């Protein structure tokens, strides 16, 4: 498999280079990313449990899917590609807010991302890719908020940051 390159950006989300994903995380360099939030009619969020084989945050619960855009790929194209690869379905996505955040991992790597929040709607069951995802469930934002307080250790760092900071934007 070709090494996955991420798009290095400045504070205005303008591309300034490409770098191998692990190296960007080791050096904590700002790069472009996206986080997909898929809701159903009941306004529940589909969350996934990361596969236990992942190099960071294995087995933790997080939003529907997250990844990095490839060079020349729009946020929406990237979001749909990754949804299909990880969750085995795709749906229309809307590019909403974006922001910069930094989150250290327990393995010495740091996530420093210019993150685009993509929102979609889907009814039905995903078809999980076991290399990426261990489990999934629908959860209301209220229940999630409560559970994050009670069980903070089972959620990814970035999901907690996004959720807390942008709850008002993703709440609909």
Protein backbone atom coordinates (compact mmCIF):
# COMPACT_ATOMS: atom_id res chain seq x y z
CA UNK A 1 0.00 0.00 0.00
CA UNK A 2 1.32 3.45 -0.89
CA UNK A 3 2.09 5.54 2.14
CA UNK A 4 -0.76 7.89 2.85
CA UNK A 5 0.26 11.51 2.41
CA UNK A 6 -1.49 14.36 4.17
CA UNK A 7 -1.85 17.92 2.91
CA UNK A 8 0.11 20.39 5.01
CA UNK A 9 -1.71 23.71 5.27
CA UNK A 10 -1.28 27.15 6.81
CA UNK A 11 -3.78 28.79 9.17
CA UNK A 12 -5.91 29.77 6.14
CA UNK A 13 -6.18 26.15 4.96
CA UNK A 14 -3.95 26.88 1.95
CA UNK A 15 -1.80 23.94 0.87
CA UNK A 16 1.89 24.41 1.65
CA UNK A 17 3.14 20.86 1.10
CA UNK A 18 2.59 17.12 1.36
CA UNK A 19 3.95 14.80 4.01
CA UNK A 20 3.74 11.17 5.01
CA UNK A 21 0.95 10.85 7.59
CA UNK A 22 3.01 9.43 10.48
CA UNK A 23 5.73 12.04 10.02
CA UNK A 24 3.18 14.87 10.15
CA UNK A 25 1.83 13.41 13.39
CA UNK A 26 5.33 13.03 14.86
CA UNK A 27 6.16 16.64 14.04
CA UNK A 28 2.69 17.90 15.03
CA UNK A 29 2.44 19.83 11.74
CA UNK A 30 -0.87 21.38 10.75
CA UNK A 31 -2.62 19.39 8.03
CA UNK A 32 -6.04 19.21 6.44
CA UNK A 33 -8.57 16.72 7.77
CA UNK A 34 -12.29 16.11 7.95
CA UNK A 35 -14.75 14.65 10.43
CA UNK A 36 -18.01 13.14 9.23
CA UNK A 37 -21.11 13.24 11.40
CA UNK A 38 -23.97 11.11 10.04
CA UNK A 39 -27.41 11.45 11.63
CA UNK A 40 -30.63 9.49 11.21
CA UNK A 41 -34.22 10.80 11.22
CA UNK A 42 -34.31 10.55 15.00
CA UNK A 43 -31.37 12.99 15.11
CA UNK A 44 -29.13 10.28 16.51
CA UNK A 45 -25.46 10.29 15.56
CA UNK A 46 -23.82 7.17 14.13
CA UNK A 47 -20.66 6.59 16.14
CA UNK A 48 -17.96 4.01 15.47
CA UNK A 49 -15.54 2.12 17.65
CA UNK A 50 -12.08 2.24 16.08
CA UNK A 51 -10.55 -1.15 15.25
CA UNK A 52 -8.28 -2.54 17.95
CA UNK A 53 -5.44 -2.79 15.41
CA UNK A 54 -5.26 0.99 14.72
CA UNK A 55 -1.92 2.67 15.44
CA UNK A 56 -3.52 5.30 17.67
CA UNK A 57 -6.70 5.44 19.76
CA UNK A 58 -7.54 1.74 19.11
CA UNK A 59 -10.89 0.55 20.46
CA UNK A 60 -12.08 4.08 21.26
CA UNK A 61 -15.47 5.45 20.20
CA UNK A 62 -15.58 8.41 17.85
CA UNK A 63 -17.76 10.15 15.26
CA UNK A 64 -18.97 8.37 12.11
CA UNK A 65 -15.64 8.69 10.34
CA UNK A 66 -12.52 10.88 10.19
CA UNK A 67 -9.62 11.03 7.84
CA UNK A 68 -7.41 13.19 5.64
CA UNK A 69 -8.10 14.61 2.21
CA UNK A 70 -5.80 13.56 -0.61
CA UNK A 71 -4.19 16.10 -2.89
CA UNK A 72 -6.73 17.49 -5.35
CA UNK A 73 -9.67 15.95 -3.54
CA UNK A 74 -12.54 18.09 -2.24
CA UNK A 75 -13.70 17.77 1.36
CA UNK A 76 -16.94 16.15 0.20
CA UNK A 77 -15.21 13.69 -2.15
CA UNK A 78 -12.81 12.70 0.63
CA UNK A 79 -15.65 12.29 3.12
CA UNK A 80 -17.63 10.04 0.79
CA UNK A 81 -14.56 7.96 -0.09
CA UNK A 82 -13.73 7.33 3.56
CA UNK A 83 -17.33 6.63 4.59
CA UNK A 84 -17.41 3.95 1.90
CA UNK A 85 -14.01 2.53 2.91
CA UNK A 86 -14.69 2.43 6.66
CA UNK A 87 -18.47 2.14 7.03
CA UNK A 88 -19.48 0.53 3.75
CA UNK A 89 -22.05 3.16 2.72
CA UNK A 90 -22.14 6.67 1.39
CA UNK A 91 -24.58 9.56 1.58
CA UNK A 92 -24.80 13.23 0.65
CA UNK A 93 -22.55 15.37 2.83
CA UNK A 94 -22.65 19.06 3.62
CA UNK A 95 -19.44 20.97 4.30
CA UNK A 96 -20.16 23.07 7.40
CA UNK A 97 -17.73 24.70 9.84
CA UNK A 98 -13.98 24.22 10.05
CA UNK A 99 -11.47 24.91 12.81
CA UNK A 100 -7.94 24.16 13.98
CA UNK A 101 -7.29 21.88 16.94
CA UNK A 102 -4.38 20.07 18.50
CA UNK A 103 -4.62 16.83 20.50
CA UNK A 104 -1.75 14.72 21.81
CA UNK A 105 -2.02 10.93 21.71
CA UNK A 106 -0.71 8.59 24.36
CA UNK A 107 1.89 7.21 21.93
CA UNK A 108 3.86 10.45 21.52
CA UNK A 109 2.16 11.49 18.27
CA UNK A 110 0.14 14.69 18.00
CA UNK A 111 -2.91 15.41 15.90
CA UNK A 112 -2.75 19.02 14.66
CA UNK A 113 -5.50 19.50 12.15
CA UNK A 114 -7.43 22.02 10.12
CA UNK A 115 -10.63 20.03 10.44
CA UNK A 116 -13.70 20.34 8.21
CA UNK A 117 -16.98 19.13 9.70
CA UNK A 118 -19.11 17.24 7.16
CA UNK A 119 -22.71 16.43 8.02
CA UNK A 120 -24.86 13.77 6.39
CA UNK A 121 -28.07 11.79 6.87
CA UNK A 122 -28.53 8.05 6.51
CA UNK A 123 -31.11 5.48 7.52
CA UNK A 124 -29.93 1.91 7.66
CA UNK A 125 -27.05 -0.29 8.61
CA UNK A 126 -23.42 0.29 7.76
CA UNK A 127 -21.31 -2.55 6.38
CA UNK A 128 -18.20 -2.21 8.53
CA UNK A 129 -14.64 -2.67 7.31
CA UNK A 130 -13.16 -4.76 10.16
CA UNK A 131 -9.65 -3.37 9.53
CA UNK A 132 -10.94 0.09 10.41
CA UNK A 133 -13.98 -0.31 12.63
CA UNK A 134 -14.83 -2.73 15.44
CA UNK A 135 -18.45 -1.71 16.12
CA UNK A 136 -21.02 1.05 15.62
CA UNK A 137 -24.22 2.42 17.17
CA UNK A 138 -26.71 5.26 16.96
CA UNK A 139 -26.67 7.63 19.93
CA UNK A 140 -28.52 10.84 20.73
CA UNK A 141 -26.32 13.89 21.31
CA UNK A 142 -27.75 14.27 24.81
CA UNK A 143 -26.83 10.69 25.75
CA UNK A 144 -23.39 11.13 24.20
CA UNK A 145 -22.77 14.32 26.12
CA UNK A 146 -23.68 12.57 29.36
CA UNK A 147 -21.63 9.47 28.61
CA UNK A 148 -18.54 11.54 27.74
CA UNK A 149 -18.63 13.00 31.23
CA UNK A 150 -19.12 9.59 32.84
CA UNK A 151 -16.73 7.60 30.63
CA UNK A 152 -14.26 10.05 29.06
CA UNK A 153 -11.65 7.34 28.52
CA UNK A 154 -13.67 5.43 25.93
CA UNK A 155 -13.85 8.36 23.44
CA UNK A 156 -11.13 9.73 21.15
CA UNK A 157 -9.51 13.00 22.20
CA UNK A 158 -10.50 14.81 19.02
CA UNK A 159 -14.12 13.68 19.25
CA UNK A 160 -14.36 15.15 22.76
CA UNK A 161 -12.78 18.41 21.57
CA UNK A 162 -15.05 18.70 18.53
CA UNK A 163 -18.11 17.68 20.49
CA UNK A 164 -17.60 20.10 23.34
CA UNK A 165 -16.54 23.05 21.21
CA UNK A 166 -18.97 22.63 18.34
CA UNK A 167 -21.94 20.98 20.00
CA UNK A 168 -24.14 23.95 19.08
CA UNK A 169 -23.22 23.63 15.37
CA UNK A 170 -23.75 19.89 15.03
CA UNK A 171 -26.89 19.95 17.16
CA UNK A 172 -29.89 19.90 14.84
